[in-house]
Every structure is written in structure tokens, then in C-alpha cells.
Amino acid sequence: MDKISEKIKAARIAKGVTIEEVAEATLLSVNIIKDIEDGAFERFVGDELYVKMYLKKIARYLEIDVMIIMQLREKLKRLI
């Protein structure tokens, strides 16, 4: 699992919310959030702009520093 996925999942668990609650608050599907937490970024090939938006929405809701997530995302971009 990549660091983005680990950080998001750990923040969600620490906040005590379910994937469904994150989905409801961010207006993203449960499947998108599961894919992100599972590190299944290969499913988003060609949709990098959407992934950036997804990560920002999730980071804001979970109160994670968005800049850290975007820096990790830049490293991830080289993998997908």
C-alpha cells in the first residue's frame, strides 16, 4: 500500500468515521474511497485530475494537510 492510502486510512480510523460517512460527506462513491484506501490507483489511469480532486476532498474532510497529500500524489503520478 502506498503512503497516500496509508495516511488516508489511518486518518479516517483515527477520526472514528466509516468509509460510508466519508463518502456521504465528500459526495464521492464508497468504491472510490475504498480504491484509494486500498492503493488501487491503477483503476484511475487517465483520470488523474479527478484523483487530485478526490484526494483534496477526502483530505479536507479528514483534516489532513492537503499539501502533504498533493506532494505524495506527485510521487504516485510516476507510478500510474
C-alpha atoms as a PDB file:
ATOM      1  CA  MET A   1       0.000   0.000   0.000  1.00  0.00           C
ATOM      2  CA  ASP A   2       1.320   3.444  -0.845  1.00  0.00           C
ATOM      3  CA  LYS A   3       1.771   6.256   1.663  1.00  0.00           C
ATOM      4  CA  ILE A   4      -1.259   8.226   0.466  1.00  0.00           C
ATOM      5  CA  SER A   5      -3.529   5.270   1.084  1.00  0.00           C
ATOM      6  CA  GLU A   6      -1.978   4.574   4.467  1.00  0.00           C
ATOM      7  CA  LYS A   7      -2.285   8.194   5.563  1.00  0.00           C
ATOM      8  CA  ILE A   8      -5.919   8.483   4.462  1.00  0.00           C
ATOM      9  CA  LYS A   9      -6.980   5.212   6.040  1.00  0.00           C
ATOM     10  CA  ALA A  10      -5.163   5.992   9.297  1.00  0.00           C
ATOM     11  CA  ALA A  11      -6.764   9.452   9.465  1.00  0.00           C
ATOM     12  CA  ARG A  12     -10.226   8.016   8.836  1.00  0.00           C
ATOM     13  CA  ILE A  13      -9.795   5.412  11.549  1.00  0.00           C
ATOM     14  CA  ALA A  14      -8.357   7.992  13.977  1.00  0.00           C
ATOM     15  CA  LYS A  15     -11.335  10.252  13.340  1.00  0.00           C
ATOM     16  CA  GLY A  16     -13.634   7.311  14.008  1.00  0.00           C
ATOM     17  CA  VAL A  17     -15.622   7.516  10.789  1.00  0.00           C
ATOM     18  CA  THR A  18     -16.632   4.837   8.318  1.00  0.00           C
ATOM     19  CA  ILE A  19     -15.962   4.794   4.613  1.00  0.00           C
ATOM     20  CA  GLU A  20     -19.675   5.393   4.119  1.00  0.00           C
ATOM     21  CA  GLU A  21     -19.520   8.534   6.258  1.00  0.00           C
ATOM     22  CA  VAL A  22     -16.568   9.841   4.257  1.00  0.00           C
ATOM     23  CA  ALA A  23     -18.460   9.101   1.053  1.00  0.00           C
ATOM     24  CA  GLU A  24     -21.534  10.950   2.258  1.00  0.00           C
ATOM     25  CA  ALA A  25     -19.560  13.981   3.442  1.00  0.00           C
ATOM     26  CA  THR A  26     -17.424  14.258   0.300  1.00  0.00           C
ATOM     27  CA  LEU A  27     -20.103  13.223  -2.206  1.00  0.00           C
ATOM     28  CA  LEU A  28     -17.777  10.520  -3.532  1.00  0.00           C
ATOM     29  CA  SER A  29     -18.752   6.907  -4.022  1.00  0.00           C
ATOM     30  CA  VAL A  30     -17.857   4.283  -1.459  1.00  0.00           C
ATOM     31  CA  ASN A  31     -15.992   2.394  -4.205  1.00  0.00           C
ATOM     32  CA  ILE A  32     -13.753   5.373  -4.981  1.00  0.00           C
ATOM     33  CA  ILE A  33     -12.820   5.752  -1.338  1.00  0.00           C
ATOM     34  CA  LYS A  34     -12.189   2.015  -0.987  1.00  0.00           C
ATOM     35  CA  ASP A  35      -9.960   2.054  -4.088  1.00  0.00           C
ATOM     36  CA  ILE A  36      -7.983   4.989  -2.693  1.00  0.00           C
ATOM     37  CA  GLU A  37      -7.585   3.371   0.725  1.00  0.00           C
ATOM     38  CA  ASP A  38      -6.558   0.098  -0.953  1.00  0.00           C
ATOM     39  CA  GLY A  39      -3.996   1.900  -3.109  1.00  0.00           C
ATOM     40  CA  ALA A  40      -5.754   0.751  -6.290  1.00  0.00           C
ATOM     41  CA  PHE A  41      -4.726   3.841  -8.243  1.00  0.00           C
ATOM     42  CA  GLU A  42      -4.267   1.825 -11.432  1.00  0.00           C
ATOM     43  CA  ARG A  43      -8.064   1.989 -11.746  1.00  0.00           C
ATOM     44  CA  PHE A  44      -7.788   5.747 -12.239  1.00  0.00           C
ATOM     45  CA  VAL A  45      -5.331   5.789 -15.153  1.00  0.00           C
ATOM     46  CA  GLY A  46      -6.338   8.642 -17.419  1.00  0.00           C
ATOM     47  CA  ASP A  47      -8.366  10.285 -14.648  1.00  0.00           C
ATOM     48  CA  GLU A  48      -5.514  11.971 -12.792  1.00  0.00           C
ATOM     49  CA  LEU A  49      -7.376  15.284 -12.470  1.00  0.00           C
ATOM     50  CA  TYR A  50     -10.284  13.505 -10.829  1.00  0.00           C
ATOM     51  CA  VAL A  51      -7.921  11.713  -8.460  1.00  0.00           C
ATOM     52  CA  LYS A  52      -6.466  15.065  -7.419  1.00  0.00           C
ATOM     53  CA  MET A  53      -9.977  16.346  -6.670  1.00  0.00           C
ATOM     54  CA  TYR A  54     -10.883  13.146  -4.785  1.00  0.00           C
ATOM     55  CA  LEU A  55      -7.768  13.345  -2.651  1.00  0.00           C
ATOM     56  CA  LYS A  56      -8.341  17.010  -1.818  1.00  0.00           C
ATOM     57  CA  LYS A  57     -11.952  16.398  -0.788  1.00  0.00           C
ATOM     58  CA  ILE A  58     -11.015  13.435   1.387  1.00  0.00           C
ATOM     59  CA  ALA A  59      -8.035  15.246   2.940  1.00  0.00           C
ATOM     60  CA  ARG A  60     -10.133  18.274   3.840  1.00  0.00           C
ATOM     61  CA  TYR A  61     -12.841  16.149   5.417  1.00  0.00           C
ATOM     62  CA  LEU A  62     -10.325  14.090   7.406  1.00  0.00           C
ATOM     63  CA  GLU A  63      -8.371  17.238   8.343  1.00  0.00           C
ATOM     64  CA  ILE A  64      -5.164  16.082   6.685  1.00  0.00           C
ATOM     65  CA  ASP A  65      -2.777  18.732   5.359  1.00  0.00           C
ATOM     66  CA  VAL A  66      -3.769  18.937   1.693  1.00  0.00           C
ATOM     67  CA  MET A  67      -0.240  19.997   0.664  1.00  0.00           C
ATOM     68  CA  ILE A  68       1.231  16.791   2.090  1.00  0.00           C
ATOM     69  CA  ILE A  69      -1.324  14.723   0.177  1.00  0.00           C
ATOM     70  CA  MET A  70      -0.556  16.613  -3.043  1.00  0.00           C
ATOM     71  CA  GLN A  71       3.191  16.062  -2.568  1.00  0.00           C
ATOM     72  CA  LEU A  72       2.614  12.342  -2.073  1.00  0.00           C
ATOM     73  CA  ARG A  73       0.330  12.354  -5.109  1.00  0.00           C
ATOM     74  CA  GLU A  74       3.111  13.791  -7.272  1.00  0.00           C
ATOM     75  CA  LYS A  75       5.278  10.823  -6.336  1.00  0.00           C
ATOM     76  CA  LEU A  76       2.388   8.487  -7.073  1.00  0.00           C
ATOM     77  CA  LYS A  77       1.826  10.009 -10.533  1.00  0.00           C
ATOM     78  CA  ARG A  78       5.065   8.439 -11.659  1.00  0.00           C
ATOM     79  CA  LEU A  79       3.641   5.014 -10.791  1.00  0.00           C
ATOM     80  CA  ILE A  80       0.341   5.265 -12.708  1.00  0.00           C
END
